[in-house]
N, C-alpha and C. Protein backbone atom coordinates (compact mmCIF):
# COMPACT_ATOMS: atom_id res chain seq x y z
N UNK A 1 0.84 -1.19 0.00
CA UNK A 1 0.00 0.00 0.00
C UNK A 1 0.88 1.25 0.00
N UNK A 2 0.53 2.23 -0.82
CA UNK A 2 1.27 3.47 -0.87
C UNK A 2 0.92 4.34 0.33
N UNK A 3 1.93 4.81 1.03
CA UNK A 3 1.72 5.69 2.16
C UNK A 3 1.51 7.11 1.64
N UNK A 4 0.42 7.73 2.04
CA UNK A 4 0.13 9.08 1.58
C UNK A 4 -0.65 9.83 2.65
N UNK A 5 -0.67 11.17 2.57
CA UNK A 5 -1.40 11.96 3.56
C UNK A 5 -2.84 11.50 3.71
N UNK A 6 -3.29 11.46 4.96
CA UNK A 6 -4.63 11.01 5.28
C UNK A 6 -4.66 9.61 5.86
N UNK A 7 -3.55 8.88 5.72
CA UNK A 7 -3.45 7.53 6.27
C UNK A 7 -2.60 7.54 7.54
N UNK A 8 -2.73 6.49 8.34
CA UNK A 8 -1.92 6.38 9.55
C UNK A 8 -0.44 6.30 9.18
N UNK A 9 0.37 7.05 9.89
CA UNK A 9 1.81 7.06 9.62
C UNK A 9 2.45 5.79 10.18
N UNK A 10 3.14 5.01 9.36
CA UNK A 10 3.80 3.80 9.86
C UNK A 10 5.03 4.14 10.69
N UNK A 11 5.42 3.21 11.54
CA UNK A 11 6.61 3.41 12.35
C UNK A 11 7.85 3.56 11.46
N UNK A 12 8.77 4.37 11.92
CA UNK A 12 10.03 4.53 11.20
C UNK A 12 10.84 3.24 11.31
N UNK A 13 11.56 2.91 10.27
CA UNK A 13 12.41 1.72 10.28
C UNK A 13 13.84 2.17 10.58
N UNK A 14 14.19 2.07 11.83
CA UNK A 14 15.43 2.65 12.35
C UNK A 14 16.48 1.57 12.57
N UNK A 15 17.71 1.86 12.17
CA UNK A 15 18.80 0.94 12.50
C UNK A 15 19.36 1.26 13.88
N UNK A 16 19.43 2.56 14.21
CA UNK A 16 19.98 2.95 15.51
C UNK A 16 19.66 4.42 15.77
N UNK A 17 19.35 4.72 17.03
CA UNK A 17 19.22 6.11 17.44
C UNK A 17 20.61 6.62 17.80
N UNK A 18 21.07 7.63 17.09
CA UNK A 18 22.42 8.14 17.27
C UNK A 18 22.46 9.23 18.33
N UNK A 19 21.37 9.96 18.45
CA UNK A 19 21.30 11.07 19.42
C UNK A 19 19.89 11.15 19.97
N UNK A 20 19.77 11.29 21.29
CA UNK A 20 18.46 11.41 21.90
C UNK A 20 17.87 10.05 22.27
N UNK A 21 16.66 10.09 22.78
CA UNK A 21 15.98 8.89 23.26
C UNK A 21 15.15 8.25 22.16
N UNK A 22 15.26 6.94 22.03
CA UNK A 22 14.45 6.22 21.04
C UNK A 22 12.98 6.32 21.42
N UNK A 23 12.18 6.88 20.53
CA UNK A 23 10.77 7.09 20.81
C UNK A 23 9.92 6.67 19.62
N UNK A 24 9.18 5.56 19.74
CA UNK A 24 8.29 5.15 18.64
C UNK A 24 7.21 6.19 18.39
N UNK A 25 6.74 6.27 17.16
CA UNK A 25 5.68 7.22 16.84
C UNK A 25 4.43 6.94 17.66
N UNK A 26 4.21 5.68 18.01
CA UNK A 26 3.02 5.32 18.78
C UNK A 26 3.01 5.97 20.16
N UNK A 27 4.18 6.38 20.65
CA UNK A 27 4.26 7.04 21.95
C UNK A 27 4.18 8.56 21.84
N UNK A 28 3.98 9.06 20.63
CA UNK A 28 3.95 10.50 20.42
C UNK A 28 2.55 11.00 20.05
N UNK A 29 1.54 10.19 20.36
CA UNK A 29 0.17 10.66 20.16
C UNK A 29 -0.05 11.91 21.02
N UNK A 30 -0.92 12.78 20.56
CA UNK A 30 -1.21 14.07 21.18
C UNK A 30 -0.08 15.08 20.98
N UNK A 31 0.86 14.73 20.12
CA UNK A 31 1.91 15.67 19.74
C UNK A 31 2.03 15.69 18.22
N UNK A 32 2.25 16.86 17.68
CA UNK A 32 2.57 16.96 16.26
C UNK A 32 4.03 16.54 16.09
N UNK A 33 4.30 15.76 15.06
CA UNK A 33 5.66 15.25 14.83
C UNK A 33 6.14 15.70 13.45
N UNK A 34 7.34 16.25 13.42
CA UNK A 34 8.01 16.54 12.14
C UNK A 34 9.25 15.68 12.07
N UNK A 35 9.39 14.94 10.99
CA UNK A 35 10.59 14.14 10.75
C UNK A 35 11.34 14.78 9.60
N UNK A 36 12.53 15.26 9.88
CA UNK A 36 13.35 15.89 8.84
C UNK A 36 14.34 14.85 8.33
N UNK A 37 14.17 14.46 7.08
CA UNK A 37 14.99 13.41 6.47
C UNK A 37 16.13 14.07 5.69
N UNK A 38 17.35 13.66 6.00
CA UNK A 38 18.51 14.28 5.37
C UNK A 38 19.58 13.24 5.12
N UNK A 39 20.59 13.62 4.35
CA UNK A 39 21.78 12.80 4.16
C UNK A 39 22.99 13.60 4.63
N UNK A 40 23.99 12.91 5.13
CA UNK A 40 25.21 13.59 5.55
C UNK A 40 25.84 14.31 4.37
N UNK A 41 25.81 13.67 3.20
CA UNK A 41 26.39 14.27 1.99
C UNK A 41 25.29 14.93 1.17
N UNK A 42 24.73 16.00 1.72
CA UNK A 42 23.61 16.72 1.08
C UNK A 42 23.72 18.19 1.47
N UNK A 43 24.42 19.01 0.69
CA UNK A 43 24.58 20.42 1.06
C UNK A 43 23.27 21.14 1.32
N UNK A 44 22.25 20.89 0.49
CA UNK A 44 20.98 21.57 0.66
C UNK A 44 20.31 21.26 1.99
N UNK A 45 20.58 20.07 2.52
CA UNK A 45 20.01 19.70 3.81
C UNK A 45 20.50 20.63 4.91
N UNK A 46 21.78 21.02 4.82
CA UNK A 46 22.40 21.83 5.87
C UNK A 46 22.28 23.32 5.62
N UNK A 47 22.07 23.70 4.36
CA UNK A 47 21.87 25.11 4.04
C UNK A 47 20.41 25.54 4.24
N UNK A 48 19.48 24.62 4.00
CA UNK A 48 18.07 25.00 3.97
C UNK A 48 17.17 24.14 4.87
N UNK A 49 17.20 22.83 4.68
CA UNK A 49 16.27 21.96 5.39
C UNK A 49 16.43 21.99 6.90
N UNK A 50 17.62 21.68 7.39
CA UNK A 50 17.83 21.64 8.84
C UNK A 50 17.69 23.00 9.50
N UNK A 51 18.23 24.09 8.93
CA UNK A 51 18.00 25.40 9.57
C UNK A 51 16.53 25.74 9.74
N UNK A 52 15.71 25.43 8.73
CA UNK A 52 14.28 25.72 8.83
C UNK A 52 13.64 24.92 9.96
N UNK A 53 13.97 23.63 10.02
CA UNK A 53 13.33 22.77 11.00
C UNK A 53 13.81 23.09 12.42
N UNK A 54 15.08 23.46 12.57
CA UNK A 54 15.60 23.81 13.89
C UNK A 54 15.00 25.12 14.39
N UNK A 55 14.74 26.04 13.48
CA UNK A 55 14.07 27.29 13.87
C UNK A 55 12.66 27.01 14.36
N UNK A 56 11.96 26.11 13.68
CA UNK A 56 10.61 25.74 14.10
C UNK A 56 10.64 25.06 15.46
N UNK A 57 11.60 24.15 15.66
CA UNK A 57 11.71 23.44 16.94
C UNK A 57 11.94 24.42 18.08
N UNK A 58 12.80 25.40 17.87
CA UNK A 58 13.08 26.38 18.93
C UNK A 58 11.87 27.27 19.19
N UNK A 59 11.18 27.67 18.13
CA UNK A 59 10.04 28.57 18.27
C UNK A 59 8.90 27.91 19.04
N UNK A 60 8.72 26.60 18.85
CA UNK A 60 7.57 25.90 19.44
C UNK A 60 8.01 24.93 20.55
N UNK A 61 9.12 25.23 21.21
CA UNK A 61 9.67 24.29 22.20
C UNK A 61 8.73 24.07 23.38
N UNK A 62 7.83 25.00 23.65
CA UNK A 62 6.90 24.85 24.77
C UNK A 62 5.52 24.39 24.32
N UNK A 63 5.43 23.92 23.09
CA UNK A 63 4.16 23.45 22.55
C UNK A 63 4.26 21.96 22.24
N UNK A 64 3.12 21.31 21.96
CA UNK A 64 3.12 19.85 21.73
C UNK A 64 3.68 19.49 20.36
N UNK A 65 4.98 19.72 20.19
CA UNK A 65 5.66 19.44 18.93
C UNK A 65 6.94 18.65 19.21
N UNK A 66 7.14 17.58 18.46
CA UNK A 66 8.38 16.81 18.52
C UNK A 66 9.03 16.83 17.14
N UNK A 67 10.30 17.19 17.10
CA UNK A 67 11.05 17.22 15.85
C UNK A 67 12.14 16.15 15.91
N UNK A 68 12.19 15.33 14.88
CA UNK A 68 13.15 14.22 14.81
C UNK A 68 13.94 14.34 13.52
N UNK A 69 15.23 14.12 13.61
CA UNK A 69 16.06 14.04 12.41
C UNK A 69 16.26 12.59 12.02
N UNK A 70 16.14 12.31 10.73
CA UNK A 70 16.36 10.95 10.23
C UNK A 70 17.40 11.00 9.12
N UNK A 71 18.58 10.48 9.41
CA UNK A 71 19.64 10.42 8.39
C UNK A 71 19.42 9.17 7.55
N UNK A 72 19.40 9.34 6.25
CA UNK A 72 19.18 8.22 5.34
C UNK A 72 20.33 8.15 4.35
N UNK A 73 20.24 7.20 3.42
CA UNK A 73 21.25 7.07 2.36
C UNK A 73 20.63 6.35 1.18
N UNK A 74 20.46 7.06 0.08
CA UNK A 74 20.00 6.42 -1.15
C UNK A 74 21.05 6.55 -2.25
N UNK A 75 22.21 7.12 -1.89
CA UNK A 75 23.33 7.29 -2.81
C UNK A 75 24.58 7.54 -1.96
N UNK A 76 25.74 7.56 -2.59
CA UNK A 76 26.99 7.85 -1.87
C UNK A 76 27.08 7.06 -0.56
N UNK A 77 26.90 5.76 -0.66
CA UNK A 77 26.82 4.93 0.55
C UNK A 77 28.13 4.91 1.33
N UNK A 78 29.24 5.25 0.67
CA UNK A 78 30.52 5.28 1.36
C UNK A 78 30.69 6.55 2.20
N UNK A 79 29.84 7.56 1.96
CA UNK A 79 29.92 8.82 2.70
C UNK A 79 28.74 8.98 3.67
N UNK A 80 27.56 8.57 3.22
CA UNK A 80 26.36 8.71 4.06
C UNK A 80 26.29 7.54 5.05
N UNK A 81 27.23 7.53 5.98
CA UNK A 81 27.38 6.40 6.90
C UNK A 81 27.05 6.81 8.34
N UNK A 82 26.86 5.79 9.16
CA UNK A 82 26.61 6.04 10.58
C UNK A 82 27.81 6.71 11.23
N UNK A 83 29.02 6.30 10.87
CA UNK A 83 30.22 6.90 11.47
C UNK A 83 30.30 8.39 11.17
N UNK A 84 30.03 8.77 9.92
CA UNK A 84 30.08 10.19 9.57
C UNK A 84 28.95 10.97 10.24
N UNK A 85 27.81 10.31 10.42
CA UNK A 85 26.71 10.96 11.14
C UNK A 85 27.10 11.21 12.59
N UNK A 86 27.72 10.23 13.23
CA UNK A 86 28.15 10.40 14.62
C UNK A 86 29.16 11.54 14.75
N UNK A 87 30.11 11.62 13.82
CA UNK A 87 31.10 12.71 13.86
C UNK A 87 30.41 14.06 13.70
N UNK A 88 29.43 14.11 12.81
CA UNK A 88 28.69 15.35 12.59
C UNK A 88 28.00 15.81 13.87
N UNK A 89 27.32 14.89 14.54
CA UNK A 89 26.56 15.25 15.72
C UNK A 89 27.45 15.55 16.92
N UNK A 90 28.58 14.86 17.01
CA UNK A 90 29.45 15.03 18.17
C UNK A 90 30.40 16.22 18.03
N UNK A 91 30.90 16.45 16.82
CA UNK A 91 31.92 17.50 16.64
C UNK A 91 31.58 18.52 15.57
N UNK A 92 30.50 18.28 14.81
CA UNK A 92 30.15 19.17 13.71
C UNK A 92 30.91 18.91 12.43
N UNK A 93 31.69 17.81 12.39
CA UNK A 93 32.53 17.53 11.23
C UNK A 93 31.70 17.25 9.98
N UNK A 94 32.03 17.94 8.89
CA UNK A 94 31.35 17.78 7.62
C UNK A 94 32.21 16.97 6.65
N UNK A 95 31.55 16.33 5.68
CA UNK A 95 32.28 15.51 4.72
C UNK A 95 31.75 15.77 3.32
N UNK A 96 32.50 15.31 2.32
CA UNK A 96 32.05 15.30 0.94
C UNK A 96 31.64 16.67 0.40
N UNK A 97 30.60 16.65 -0.43
CA UNK A 97 30.10 17.88 -1.03
C UNK A 97 29.57 18.85 0.02
N UNK A 98 29.04 18.31 1.10
CA UNK A 98 28.53 19.18 2.17
C UNK A 98 29.64 20.07 2.71
N UNK A 99 30.81 19.50 2.96
CA UNK A 99 31.94 20.28 3.48
C UNK A 99 32.35 21.35 2.48
N UNK A 100 32.43 20.98 1.20
CA UNK A 100 32.88 21.93 0.18
C UNK A 100 31.90 23.08 0.00
N UNK A 101 30.62 22.75 -0.13
CA UNK A 101 29.62 23.78 -0.42
C UNK A 101 29.38 24.69 0.79
N UNK A 102 29.34 24.12 1.99
CA UNK A 102 29.11 24.97 3.16
C UNK A 102 30.30 25.90 3.41
N UNK A 103 31.50 25.46 3.07
CA UNK A 103 32.65 26.35 3.17
C UNK A 103 32.51 27.51 2.20
N UNK A 104 32.05 27.23 0.98
CA UNK A 104 31.84 28.28 -0.02
C UNK A 104 30.80 29.29 0.44
N UNK A 105 29.80 28.83 1.19
CA UNK A 105 28.73 29.71 1.67
C UNK A 105 29.04 30.30 3.05
N UNK A 106 30.24 30.04 3.54
CA UNK A 106 30.68 30.57 4.84
C UNK A 106 29.80 30.06 5.98
N UNK A 107 29.38 28.79 5.86
CA UNK A 107 28.59 28.15 6.91
C UNK A 107 29.42 27.12 7.68
N UNK A 108 30.71 27.05 7.37
CA UNK A 108 31.57 26.06 8.02
C UNK A 108 32.94 26.67 8.28
N UNK A 109 33.55 26.23 9.36
CA UNK A 109 34.91 26.63 9.71
C UNK A 109 35.73 25.37 9.95
N UNK A 110 36.84 25.23 9.22
CA UNK A 110 37.68 24.03 9.35
C UNK A 110 36.86 22.76 9.16
N UNK A 111 35.98 22.80 8.14
CA UNK A 111 35.12 21.65 7.81
C UNK A 111 34.18 21.26 8.95
N UNK A 112 33.85 22.23 9.79
CA UNK A 112 32.90 21.96 10.87
C UNK A 112 31.71 22.91 10.78
N UNK A 113 30.54 22.34 10.97
CA UNK A 113 29.29 23.07 10.89
C UNK A 113 29.23 24.16 11.95
N UNK A 114 28.73 25.33 11.58
CA UNK A 114 28.70 26.45 12.51
C UNK A 114 27.48 26.46 13.42
N UNK A 115 26.59 25.48 13.27
CA UNK A 115 25.46 25.38 14.19
C UNK A 115 25.33 23.94 14.66
N UNK A 116 24.67 23.75 15.78
CA UNK A 116 24.47 22.41 16.32
C UNK A 116 23.10 21.88 15.89
N UNK A 117 22.91 20.59 16.09
CA UNK A 117 21.65 19.93 15.74
C UNK A 117 21.09 19.30 17.02
N UNK A 118 20.42 20.10 17.85
CA UNK A 118 20.00 19.64 19.19
C UNK A 118 18.64 18.94 19.21
N UNK A 119 18.45 17.99 18.32
CA UNK A 119 17.20 17.22 18.27
C UNK A 119 17.56 15.74 18.23
N UNK A 120 16.62 14.86 18.57
CA UNK A 120 16.89 13.42 18.43
C UNK A 120 17.16 13.09 16.96
N UNK A 121 18.16 12.24 16.72
CA UNK A 121 18.52 11.87 15.35
C UNK A 121 18.70 10.35 15.29
N UNK A 122 18.08 9.75 14.30
CA UNK A 122 18.19 8.31 14.09
C UNK A 122 18.77 8.04 12.70
N UNK A 123 19.27 6.82 12.52
CA UNK A 123 19.78 6.38 11.22
C UNK A 123 18.77 5.46 10.58
N UNK A 124 18.39 5.77 9.36
CA UNK A 124 17.48 4.93 8.60
C UNK A 124 18.08 3.52 8.47
N UNK A 125 17.23 2.52 8.49
CA UNK A 125 17.71 1.15 8.32
C UNK A 125 17.96 0.87 6.85
N UNK A 126 19.16 0.41 6.54
CA UNK A 126 19.53 0.07 5.17
C UNK A 126 19.58 -1.44 5.03
N UNK A 127 18.97 -1.93 3.99
CA UNK A 127 18.98 -3.37 3.75
C UNK A 127 19.58 -3.66 2.39
N UNK A 128 20.07 -4.86 2.22
CA UNK A 128 20.66 -5.25 0.94
C UNK A 128 19.57 -5.62 -0.04
N UNK A 129 19.71 -5.11 -1.26
CA UNK A 129 18.73 -5.44 -2.28
C UNK A 129 17.40 -4.80 -2.01
N UNK A 130 16.39 -5.23 -2.73
CA UNK A 130 15.06 -4.65 -2.64
C UNK A 130 14.18 -5.49 -1.73
N UNK A 131 13.79 -4.91 -0.58
CA UNK A 131 12.92 -5.63 0.35
C UNK A 131 11.46 -5.57 -0.08
N UNK A 132 11.10 -4.50 -0.76
CA UNK A 132 9.71 -4.33 -1.17
C UNK A 132 9.49 -4.92 -2.55
N UNK A 133 8.25 -5.26 -2.85
CA UNK A 133 7.90 -5.82 -4.15
C UNK A 133 8.29 -4.84 -5.26
N UNK A 134 9.09 -5.32 -6.23
CA UNK A 134 9.61 -4.45 -7.27
C UNK A 134 8.51 -3.82 -8.10
N UNK A 135 7.48 -4.60 -8.45
CA UNK A 135 6.38 -4.06 -9.25
C UNK A 135 5.70 -2.92 -8.50
N UNK A 136 5.47 -3.11 -7.21
CA UNK A 136 4.84 -2.05 -6.41
C UNK A 136 5.72 -0.82 -6.35
N UNK A 137 7.04 -1.02 -6.21
CA UNK A 137 7.96 0.12 -6.17
C UNK A 137 7.91 0.91 -7.47
N UNK A 138 7.90 0.20 -8.59
CA UNK A 138 7.85 0.88 -9.89
C UNK A 138 6.59 1.72 -10.00
N UNK A 139 5.46 1.15 -9.61
CA UNK A 139 4.19 1.88 -9.72
C UNK A 139 4.17 3.09 -8.78
N UNK A 140 4.77 2.95 -7.60
CA UNK A 140 4.83 4.08 -6.66
C UNK A 140 5.67 5.22 -7.23
N UNK A 141 6.79 4.89 -7.84
CA UNK A 141 7.66 5.92 -8.41
C UNK A 141 6.96 6.61 -9.58
N UNK A 142 6.27 5.84 -10.39
CA UNK A 142 5.52 6.43 -11.51
C UNK A 142 4.45 7.38 -10.99
N UNK A 143 3.69 6.93 -9.99
CA UNK A 143 2.63 7.76 -9.42
C UNK A 143 3.20 9.05 -8.84
N UNK A 144 4.37 8.94 -8.22
CA UNK A 144 4.98 10.09 -7.55
C UNK A 144 5.60 11.07 -8.53
N UNK A 145 6.27 10.56 -9.57
CA UNK A 145 7.15 11.41 -10.37
C UNK A 145 6.72 11.65 -11.81
N UNK A 146 5.86 10.81 -12.36
CA UNK A 146 5.54 10.92 -13.79
C UNK A 146 4.12 11.47 -13.96
N UNK A 147 4.03 12.70 -14.45
CA UNK A 147 2.73 13.32 -14.68
C UNK A 147 2.09 12.76 -15.95
N UNK A 148 0.78 12.47 -15.87
CA UNK A 148 0.01 12.00 -17.03
C UNK A 148 0.62 10.74 -17.66
N UNK A 149 1.09 9.84 -16.81
CA UNK A 149 1.70 8.61 -17.32
C UNK A 149 0.74 7.83 -18.20
N UNK A 150 -0.54 7.79 -17.80
CA UNK A 150 -1.53 7.01 -18.55
C UNK A 150 -1.75 7.55 -19.97
N UNK A 151 -1.37 8.78 -20.21
CA UNK A 151 -1.56 9.37 -21.54
C UNK A 151 -0.40 9.09 -22.48
N UNK A 152 0.67 8.51 -21.95
CA UNK A 152 1.82 8.18 -22.78
C UNK A 152 1.54 6.93 -23.60
N UNK A 153 2.28 6.76 -24.68
CA UNK A 153 2.12 5.56 -25.50
C UNK A 153 2.63 4.35 -24.73
N UNK A 154 2.19 3.16 -25.15
CA UNK A 154 2.64 1.94 -24.48
C UNK A 154 4.16 1.80 -24.57
N UNK A 155 4.73 2.24 -25.69
CA UNK A 155 6.17 2.17 -25.84
C UNK A 155 6.89 3.07 -24.85
N UNK A 156 6.39 4.30 -24.67
CA UNK A 156 6.99 5.23 -23.71
C UNK A 156 6.83 4.72 -22.29
N UNK A 157 5.66 4.16 -21.98
CA UNK A 157 5.44 3.61 -20.64
C UNK A 157 6.42 2.46 -20.37
N UNK A 158 6.63 1.62 -21.37
CA UNK A 158 7.54 0.50 -21.20
C UNK A 158 8.97 0.95 -20.96
N UNK A 159 9.40 1.98 -21.70
CA UNK A 159 10.77 2.49 -21.52
C UNK A 159 10.95 3.10 -20.13
N UNK A 160 9.92 3.79 -19.65
CA UNK A 160 10.01 4.38 -18.31
C UNK A 160 10.10 3.28 -17.25
N UNK A 161 9.28 2.24 -17.39
CA UNK A 161 9.32 1.14 -16.43
C UNK A 161 10.68 0.44 -16.46
N UNK A 162 11.24 0.25 -17.64
CA UNK A 162 12.56 -0.38 -17.75
C UNK A 162 13.63 0.47 -17.08
N UNK A 163 13.54 1.79 -17.25
CA UNK A 163 14.52 2.69 -16.65
C UNK A 163 14.44 2.65 -15.13
N UNK A 164 13.21 2.64 -14.60
CA UNK A 164 13.04 2.58 -13.14
C UNK A 164 13.53 1.24 -12.61
N UNK A 165 13.22 0.16 -13.32
CA UNK A 165 13.68 -1.17 -12.90
C UNK A 165 15.20 -1.23 -12.85
N UNK A 166 15.86 -0.64 -13.84
CA UNK A 166 17.32 -0.61 -13.85
C UNK A 166 17.85 0.13 -12.63
N UNK A 167 17.23 1.27 -12.32
CA UNK A 167 17.64 2.05 -11.14
C UNK A 167 17.49 1.23 -9.87
N UNK A 168 16.36 0.55 -9.72
CA UNK A 168 16.11 -0.25 -8.51
C UNK A 168 17.10 -1.40 -8.40
N UNK A 169 17.40 -2.04 -9.51
CA UNK A 169 18.30 -3.19 -9.48
C UNK A 169 19.75 -2.80 -9.20
N UNK A 170 20.10 -1.55 -9.52
CA UNK A 170 21.48 -1.10 -9.33
C UNK A 170 21.75 -0.61 -7.91
N UNK A 171 20.71 -0.43 -7.12
CA UNK A 171 20.92 0.03 -5.75
C UNK A 171 21.53 -1.09 -4.91
N UNK A 172 22.67 -0.82 -4.30
CA UNK A 172 23.31 -1.83 -3.47
C UNK A 172 22.67 -1.91 -2.09
N UNK A 173 22.15 -0.79 -1.61
CA UNK A 173 21.46 -0.74 -0.33
C UNK A 173 20.14 0.00 -0.49
N UNK A 174 19.18 -0.40 0.30
CA UNK A 174 17.84 0.20 0.22
C UNK A 174 17.52 0.89 1.54
N UNK A 175 17.24 2.20 1.52
CA UNK A 175 16.85 2.92 2.73
C UNK A 175 15.37 2.65 3.03
N UNK A 176 15.10 1.94 4.10
CA UNK A 176 13.75 1.41 4.29
C UNK A 176 12.70 2.47 4.60
N UNK A 177 13.00 3.40 5.50
CA UNK A 177 12.01 4.44 5.80
C UNK A 177 11.83 5.37 4.61
N UNK A 178 12.92 5.71 3.96
CA UNK A 178 12.87 6.56 2.77
C UNK A 178 11.95 5.95 1.72
N UNK A 179 12.09 4.65 1.48
CA UNK A 179 11.23 3.97 0.51
C UNK A 179 9.80 3.82 1.03
N UNK A 180 9.67 3.50 2.31
CA UNK A 180 8.35 3.29 2.89
C UNK A 180 7.47 4.52 2.73
N UNK A 181 8.05 5.70 2.94
CA UNK A 181 7.30 6.95 2.83
C UNK A 181 7.33 7.53 1.42
N UNK A 182 7.92 6.77 0.49
CA UNK A 182 7.89 7.15 -0.93
C UNK A 182 8.49 8.54 -1.15
N UNK A 183 9.64 8.79 -0.53
CA UNK A 183 10.27 10.10 -0.63
C UNK A 183 11.01 10.24 -1.96
N UNK A 184 11.16 11.50 -2.39
CA UNK A 184 11.80 11.79 -3.67
C UNK A 184 13.28 12.10 -3.54
N UNK A 185 13.70 12.58 -2.38
CA UNK A 185 15.09 12.97 -2.19
C UNK A 185 15.25 13.63 -0.84
N UNK A 186 16.38 14.31 -0.65
CA UNK A 186 16.62 15.03 0.60
C UNK A 186 17.03 16.46 0.28
N UNK A 187 16.66 17.41 1.18
CA UNK A 187 15.90 17.20 2.41
C UNK A 187 14.42 16.96 2.13
N UNK A 188 13.80 16.14 2.97
CA UNK A 188 12.36 15.93 2.93
C UNK A 188 11.80 16.07 4.34
N UNK A 189 10.57 16.56 4.42
CA UNK A 189 9.91 16.74 5.72
C UNK A 189 8.63 15.94 5.75
N UNK A 190 8.44 15.20 6.85
CA UNK A 190 7.24 14.40 7.07
C UNK A 190 6.51 15.00 8.27
N UNK A 191 5.23 15.32 8.11
CA UNK A 191 4.45 15.92 9.19
C UNK A 191 3.32 14.97 9.59
N UNK A 192 3.24 14.67 10.88
CA UNK A 192 2.25 13.75 11.43
C UNK A 192 1.45 14.48 12.51
N UNK A 193 0.13 14.32 12.50
CA UNK A 193 -0.68 15.06 13.47
C UNK A 193 -0.79 14.32 14.80
N UNK A 194 -1.56 14.89 15.72
CA UNK A 194 -1.63 14.36 17.09
C UNK A 194 -2.31 13.00 17.16
N UNK A 195 -3.04 12.63 16.12
CA UNK A 195 -3.69 11.32 16.09
C UNK A 195 -2.85 10.27 15.37
N UNK A 196 -1.66 10.65 14.95
CA UNK A 196 -0.79 9.71 14.25
C UNK A 196 -1.09 9.59 12.77
N UNK A 197 -1.80 10.58 12.22
CA UNK A 197 -2.13 10.57 10.80
C UNK A 197 -1.10 11.38 10.02
N UNK A 198 -0.63 10.81 8.94
CA UNK A 198 0.30 11.53 8.06
C UNK A 198 -0.45 12.68 7.39
N UNK A 199 0.06 13.90 7.57
CA UNK A 199 -0.64 15.06 7.03
C UNK A 199 0.08 15.72 5.87
N UNK A 200 1.40 15.56 5.80
CA UNK A 200 2.13 16.29 4.76
C UNK A 200 3.50 15.67 4.54
N UNK A 201 3.89 15.58 3.27
CA UNK A 201 5.26 15.20 2.89
C UNK A 201 5.73 16.21 1.86
N UNK A 202 6.93 16.73 2.05
CA UNK A 202 7.45 17.64 1.03
C UNK A 202 8.93 17.38 0.81
N UNK A 203 9.33 17.56 -0.44
CA UNK A 203 10.73 17.43 -0.84
C UNK A 203 11.29 18.83 -1.03
N UNK A 204 12.39 19.11 -0.36
CA UNK A 204 12.98 20.44 -0.45
C UNK A 204 12.48 21.34 0.67
N UNK A 205 13.17 22.44 0.85
CA UNK A 205 12.80 23.41 1.88
C UNK A 205 12.11 24.58 1.21
N UNK A 206 10.81 24.74 1.48
CA UNK A 206 10.02 25.77 0.81
C UNK A 206 9.66 26.93 1.73
N UNK A 207 9.97 26.79 3.02
CA UNK A 207 9.64 27.85 3.97
C UNK A 207 8.19 27.85 4.42
N UNK A 208 7.43 26.79 4.06
CA UNK A 208 6.00 26.78 4.39
C UNK A 208 5.64 25.84 5.54
N UNK A 209 6.63 25.19 6.15
CA UNK A 209 6.31 24.23 7.22
C UNK A 209 5.63 24.90 8.41
N UNK A 210 6.04 26.11 8.72
CA UNK A 210 5.43 26.84 9.84
C UNK A 210 3.92 26.97 9.63
N UNK A 211 3.51 27.32 8.42
CA UNK A 211 2.08 27.47 8.13
C UNK A 211 1.35 26.13 8.20
N UNK A 212 2.05 25.06 7.88
CA UNK A 212 1.43 23.74 7.88
C UNK A 212 1.20 23.23 9.31
N UNK A 213 2.19 23.43 10.18
CA UNK A 213 2.06 22.85 11.53
C UNK A 213 1.25 23.72 12.48
N UNK A 214 1.17 25.03 12.21
CA UNK A 214 0.51 25.93 13.16
C UNK A 214 -0.92 25.49 13.48
N UNK A 215 -1.78 25.21 12.48
CA UNK A 215 -3.14 24.76 12.83
C UNK A 215 -3.17 23.38 13.47
N UNK A 216 -2.19 22.53 13.15
CA UNK A 216 -2.16 21.18 13.74
C UNK A 216 -1.88 21.24 15.23
N UNK A 217 -1.12 22.23 15.66
CA UNK A 217 -0.78 22.35 17.08
C UNK A 217 -1.99 22.67 17.94
N UNK A 218 -3.02 23.26 17.35
CA UNK A 218 -4.20 23.66 18.12
C UNK A 218 -5.38 22.71 17.92
N UNK A 219 -5.20 21.67 17.13
CA UNK A 219 -6.30 20.72 16.91
C UNK A 219 -6.55 19.88 18.15
């Protein structure tokens, strides 16, 4: 089943909590939950996604809001690792493209992030190969990313399916929560209401999360 807004939010598939207390979503009823999904090697996550979410967390610290960071990896598996995540959280150490780009934007000193990430952070569970049904995965990606797919010719549809299948088969590791929530990339934000219902998923930092969560906090 495709996970989408309006349905119950499934539990995160976590390999390990790197920072903070392990807290299942089932224990966060009566609280709005934002899950900020990022990769260690993702400059945009540190320039835009995390700053926005940390500002929201600080602004609403006395309200029924829980903000969780989820580090995932759907590429650059040699860089987007648990070890590099631990270094980031403990010392601010940056790696890869993140280190280079944040230095260019004057957001890092000596390859270290100039702000801290004071929220619980977990590592997405990575599994070998494809755990989910490949046909279902292909259809989910088409539904998510291909506009007016049904209007394409059978030949075009076939080529798209073959391309997606090739992508899925070439993945050496599968990020389980990332796939479960049908995310497009990082940074991504997942918003869950006080009843545990998925209310919003967005890819990229658009500056609109504050408007989305404000009414949920008073429901």
